């Protein structure tokens, strides 16, 4: 029978076992982040959300305008048929 080679764990997991990082359970936990970093992340998240909201509104407005334009042209074309 052929000898099975022992599989090495991935580098991160091995390092994780030594330093408490990598994978679940180890590494810098949420509680270790200071308030300053958390506030910064929260602010970035808010800005990103606001940006997306603006983009969505812009898109909606453009779509409405396009539909309105189509409707207007359709009406004028129908009137020309008479």
Protein backbone atom coordinates (compact mmCIF):
# COMPACT_ATOMS: atom_id res chain seq x y z
CA UNK A 1 0.00 0.00 0.00
CA UNK A 2 1.23 3.48 -0.88
CA UNK A 3 2.07 5.77 2.03
CA UNK A 4 -0.25 8.73 2.22
CA UNK A 5 1.54 12.01 2.47
CA UNK A 6 0.50 14.14 5.44
CA UNK A 7 -1.29 17.23 4.19
CA UNK A 8 0.09 20.49 5.52
CA UNK A 9 -2.48 22.94 6.73
CA UNK A 10 -2.60 26.20 4.83
CA UNK A 11 -0.11 28.88 5.84
CA UNK A 12 -2.73 31.11 7.45
CA UNK A 13 -4.08 28.32 9.62
CA UNK A 14 -0.60 27.30 10.73
CA UNK A 15 0.28 30.87 11.56
CA UNK A 16 -3.10 31.16 13.25
CA UNK A 17 -2.29 28.36 15.63
CA UNK A 18 0.90 30.10 16.69
CA UNK A 19 -0.21 33.72 16.80
CA UNK A 20 -3.94 33.42 17.38
CA UNK A 21 -4.71 34.71 13.88
CA UNK A 22 -6.28 33.25 10.78
CA UNK A 23 -9.54 31.36 10.51
CA UNK A 24 -12.26 31.54 13.14
CA UNK A 25 -11.67 32.32 16.76
CA UNK A 26 -8.21 33.82 16.56
CA UNK A 27 -6.74 37.15 15.63
CA UNK A 28 -7.84 40.67 16.44
CA UNK A 29 -11.39 40.50 17.65
CA UNK A 30 -14.06 43.18 17.31
CA UNK A 31 -13.54 44.27 20.91
CA UNK A 32 -9.90 45.07 20.28
CA UNK A 33 -10.70 47.76 17.70
CA UNK A 34 -10.68 51.15 19.33
CA UNK A 35 -13.59 53.57 19.10
CA UNK A 36 -11.74 55.84 16.69
CA UNK A 37 -11.41 53.09 14.08
CA UNK A 38 -15.01 52.00 14.54
CA UNK A 39 -16.24 55.59 14.15
CA UNK A 40 -14.16 55.94 10.98
CA UNK A 41 -15.56 52.72 9.53
CA UNK A 42 -19.11 53.75 10.43
CA UNK A 43 -18.61 57.11 8.73
CA UNK A 44 -17.24 55.46 5.59
CA UNK A 45 -20.20 53.08 5.53
CA UNK A 46 -22.64 56.00 5.84
CA UNK A 47 -20.92 57.92 3.04
CA UNK A 48 -20.99 54.88 0.77
CA UNK A 49 -24.69 54.36 1.50
CA UNK A 50 -25.45 58.04 0.80
CA UNK A 51 -23.56 57.81 -2.49
CA UNK A 52 -25.59 54.76 -3.54
CA UNK A 53 -28.85 56.47 -2.59
CA UNK A 54 -27.94 59.49 -4.73
CA UNK A 55 -27.01 57.25 -7.63
CA UNK A 56 -30.30 55.36 -7.32
CA UNK A 57 -32.34 58.58 -7.27
CA UNK A 58 -30.47 59.91 -10.31
CA UNK A 59 -31.11 56.68 -12.20
CA UNK A 60 -34.80 56.74 -11.28
CA UNK A 61 -35.15 60.35 -12.42
CA UNK A 62 -33.42 59.61 -15.74
CA UNK A 63 -35.66 56.61 -16.36
CA UNK A 64 -38.76 58.69 -15.66
CA UNK A 65 -37.58 61.36 -18.09
CA UNK A 66 -36.92 58.76 -20.77
CA UNK A 67 -40.36 57.22 -20.34
CA UNK A 68 -41.97 60.66 -20.46
CA UNK A 69 -40.09 61.45 -23.67
CA UNK A 70 -41.21 58.17 -25.26
CA UNK A 71 -44.81 58.84 -24.25
CA UNK A 72 -44.71 62.36 -25.70
CA UNK A 73 -43.24 61.23 -29.01
CA UNK A 74 -45.76 58.40 -29.23
CA UNK A 75 -48.63 60.85 -28.75
CA UNK A 76 -47.27 63.26 -31.38
CA UNK A 77 -46.78 60.43 -33.85
CA UNK A 78 -50.32 59.17 -33.27
CA UNK A 79 -51.64 62.70 -33.83
CA UNK A 80 -49.78 62.92 -37.11
CA UNK A 81 -51.56 59.82 -38.38
CA UNK A 82 -54.94 61.56 -38.29
